[in-house]
Amino acid sequence: MNNWFVKNLGEAIWAEESLDSIKVLFLSEYEKANCPNDMAIFIRHELEGNLHCEVKIYFSPATIVFAHSVKAIPCKKPSLSSLDLFAGSDKSWSVLFPNKLNK
């Protein structure tokens, strides 16, 4: 189980409503699963040649069922550059990115 998942929410200005609903739904599933440290969602604002940045959210492998439910697609593990924790435990950094110091 090492596939990560990504969902592009488009331009940041339009992503807030989607982010809010995803967070509410995720936290419900996260709590039902007893808040495991390997279950987390990360967020990054990315410029891809557009005028505005796009919001991408990355789902850890342990979120596979939830990631599928929001139609996220498989991807490689995200790089740490400009990556922030969106939902889940702060301990997920050390579990999911063990080689990263002091995130």
Protein backbone atom coordinates (compact mmCIF):
# COMPACT_ATOMS: atom_id res chain seq x y z
CA MET A 1 0.00 0.00 0.00
CA ASN A 2 2.36 2.74 -1.17
CA ASN A 3 0.28 4.58 -3.74
CA TRP A 4 -0.42 8.17 -2.94
CA PHE A 5 -3.36 10.02 -4.48
CA VAL A 6 -3.83 13.56 -5.71
CA LYS A 7 -6.81 15.74 -6.45
CA ASN A 8 -6.42 19.01 -8.32
CA LEU A 9 -8.97 21.49 -7.02
CA GLY A 10 -8.10 24.12 -9.60
CA GLU A 11 -7.45 27.78 -8.93
CA ALA A 12 -7.08 28.67 -5.28
CA ILE A 13 -9.81 31.29 -5.43
CA TRP A 14 -12.38 28.60 -6.26
CA ALA A 15 -11.03 25.76 -4.11
CA GLU A 16 -12.17 26.85 -0.64
CA GLU A 17 -15.62 25.25 -0.72
CA SER A 18 -14.21 21.92 -1.95
CA LEU A 19 -11.47 22.04 0.69
CA ASP A 20 -14.01 22.63 3.44
CA SER A 21 -16.23 19.73 2.42
CA ILE A 22 -13.30 17.35 1.91
CA LYS A 23 -11.91 18.23 5.33
CA VAL A 24 -15.24 17.63 7.09
CA LEU A 25 -15.75 14.28 5.36
CA PHE A 26 -12.15 13.20 5.93
CA LEU A 27 -12.14 14.06 9.64
CA SER A 28 -15.23 11.93 10.13
CA GLU A 29 -13.51 8.93 8.48
CA TYR A 30 -10.25 9.69 10.28
CA GLU A 31 -11.96 9.63 13.67
CA LYS A 32 -13.84 6.40 12.83
CA ALA A 33 -10.43 4.83 12.09
CA ASN A 34 -9.13 5.97 15.53
CA CYS A 35 -6.95 8.76 14.10
CA PRO A 36 -4.04 6.71 12.70
CA ASN A 37 -0.79 8.62 12.18
CA ASP A 38 -0.38 7.30 8.63
CA MET A 39 -3.75 8.67 7.50
CA ALA A 40 -3.34 12.28 6.36
CA ILE A 41 -4.02 14.80 3.63
CA PHE A 42 -1.42 17.32 2.54
CA ILE A 43 -1.89 20.47 0.49
CA ARG A 44 0.24 22.48 -1.91
CA HIS A 45 -0.39 25.56 -4.01
CA GLU A 46 1.33 24.94 -7.35
CA LEU A 47 2.11 27.15 -10.31
CA GLU A 48 2.03 25.21 -13.55
CA GLY A 49 2.55 27.92 -16.13
CA ASN A 50 -0.79 29.52 -15.33
CA LEU A 51 -1.39 33.02 -14.06
CA HIS A 52 -2.95 31.65 -10.87
CA CYS A 53 -1.80 28.84 -8.64
CA GLU A 54 -3.71 25.61 -8.42
CA VAL A 55 -4.51 23.82 -5.20
CA LYS A 56 -3.55 20.16 -5.08
CA ILE A 57 -4.28 17.89 -2.18
CA TYR A 58 -2.30 14.71 -1.63
CA PHE A 59 -3.77 11.71 0.16
CA SER A 60 -1.49 9.27 1.98
CA PRO A 61 -1.74 5.57 1.10
CA ALA A 62 -3.81 4.84 4.23
CA THR A 63 -6.58 7.10 2.90
CA ILE A 64 -7.17 4.89 -0.15
CA VAL A 65 -10.91 4.37 0.40
CA PHE A 66 -11.52 8.04 1.13
CA ALA A 67 -9.28 9.17 -1.74
CA HIS A 68 -11.29 7.04 -4.15
CA SER A 69 -14.55 8.46 -2.78
CA VAL A 70 -13.47 12.00 -3.74
CA LYS A 71 -12.14 10.82 -7.11
CA ALA A 72 -8.47 11.42 -6.35
CA ILE A 73 -6.08 9.71 -8.74
CA PRO A 74 -2.94 7.68 -8.00
CA CYS A 75 0.34 9.59 -8.01
CA LYS A 76 3.89 9.38 -6.74
CA LYS A 77 4.71 10.40 -3.20
CA PRO A 78 4.78 14.21 -3.20
CA SER A 79 8.00 16.09 -2.64
CA LEU A 80 8.20 18.06 0.58
CA SER A 81 8.72 21.39 -1.16
CA SER A 82 5.92 23.78 -0.06
CA LEU A 83 3.87 20.84 1.23
CA ASP A 84 1.65 21.50 4.25
CA LEU A 85 -0.46 19.22 6.39
CA PHE A 86 -4.14 19.80 5.60
CA ALA A 87 -5.79 17.15 7.80
CA GLY A 88 -4.50 14.45 10.10
CA SER A 89 -1.96 14.23 12.89
CA ASP A 90 1.26 16.26 13.04
CA LYS A 91 2.89 12.89 13.69
CA SER A 92 2.10 11.93 10.10
CA TRP A 93 5.18 13.88 8.99
CA SER A 94 7.56 11.49 10.74
CA VAL A 95 5.54 8.42 9.74
CA LEU A 96 5.10 9.30 6.07
CA PHE A 97 8.32 11.26 5.52
CA PRO A 98 10.80 9.60 7.90
CA ASN A 99 13.84 11.18 6.25
CA LYS A 100 12.54 14.72 6.72
CA LEU A 101 13.88 16.61 9.71
CA ASN A 102 11.77 19.12 11.64
CA LYS A 103 8.69 19.70 9.53
